[in-house]
Amino acid sequence: MLREEQLVRWTDFYNSARDNPALDDRITVLIQLAAALGLGCDP
């Protein structure tokens, strides 16, 4: 389980990558997969 501070920072990163119009859909999905795997989650 993540500490609250880690969760807040991870969520901020995830949202900034997800809502970034400079990134195309393919890159956004790759970032989402990498973020999930970085947390030890199954995609």
Protein backbone atom coordinates (compact mmCIF):
# COMPACT_ATOMS: atom_id res chain seq x y z
CA MET A 1 0.00 0.00 0.00
CA LEU A 2 1.23 3.47 -0.82
CA ARG A 3 1.70 6.17 1.75
CA GLU A 4 -0.63 9.09 1.21
CA GLU A 5 2.17 11.43 0.02
CA GLN A 6 3.31 8.87 -2.57
CA LEU A 7 -0.23 8.38 -3.77
CA VAL A 8 -0.75 12.13 -4.17
CA ARG A 9 2.47 12.52 -6.16
CA TRP A 10 1.73 9.50 -8.33
CA THR A 11 -1.81 10.74 -9.00
CA ASP A 12 -0.50 14.21 -9.94
CA PHE A 13 1.99 12.65 -12.38
CA TYR A 14 -0.62 10.32 -13.86
CA ASN A 15 -3.15 13.10 -14.36
CA SER A 16 -0.59 15.44 -15.92
CA ALA A 17 0.36 12.77 -18.45
CA ARG A 18 -3.25 11.74 -19.10
CA ASP A 19 -4.58 15.27 -19.63
CA ASN A 20 -1.64 16.53 -21.71
CA PRO A 21 -2.73 17.60 -25.22
CA ALA A 22 0.91 17.53 -26.39
CA LEU A 23 0.95 13.73 -26.11
CA ASP A 24 -0.77 11.54 -28.67
CA ASP A 25 -3.02 8.65 -27.65
CA ARG A 26 -0.32 6.00 -28.12
CA ILE A 27 2.15 7.75 -25.84
CA THR A 28 -0.56 8.39 -23.25
CA VAL A 29 -1.42 4.68 -23.11
CA LEU A 30 2.26 3.74 -22.80
CA ILE A 31 2.67 6.15 -19.88
CA GLN A 32 -0.42 4.71 -18.21
CA LEU A 33 0.91 1.16 -18.59
CA ALA A 34 4.34 2.13 -17.27
CA ALA A 35 2.80 3.92 -14.29
CA ALA A 36 0.66 0.88 -13.47
CA LEU A 37 3.59 -1.50 -13.77
CA GLY A 38 5.73 0.84 -11.65
CA LEU A 39 3.23 0.41 -8.84
CA GLY A 40 3.20 -3.35 -9.25
CA CYS A 41 -0.29 -3.44 -10.73
CA ASP A 42 -1.34 -5.72 -13.55
CA PRO A 43 -2.35 -3.65 -16.58
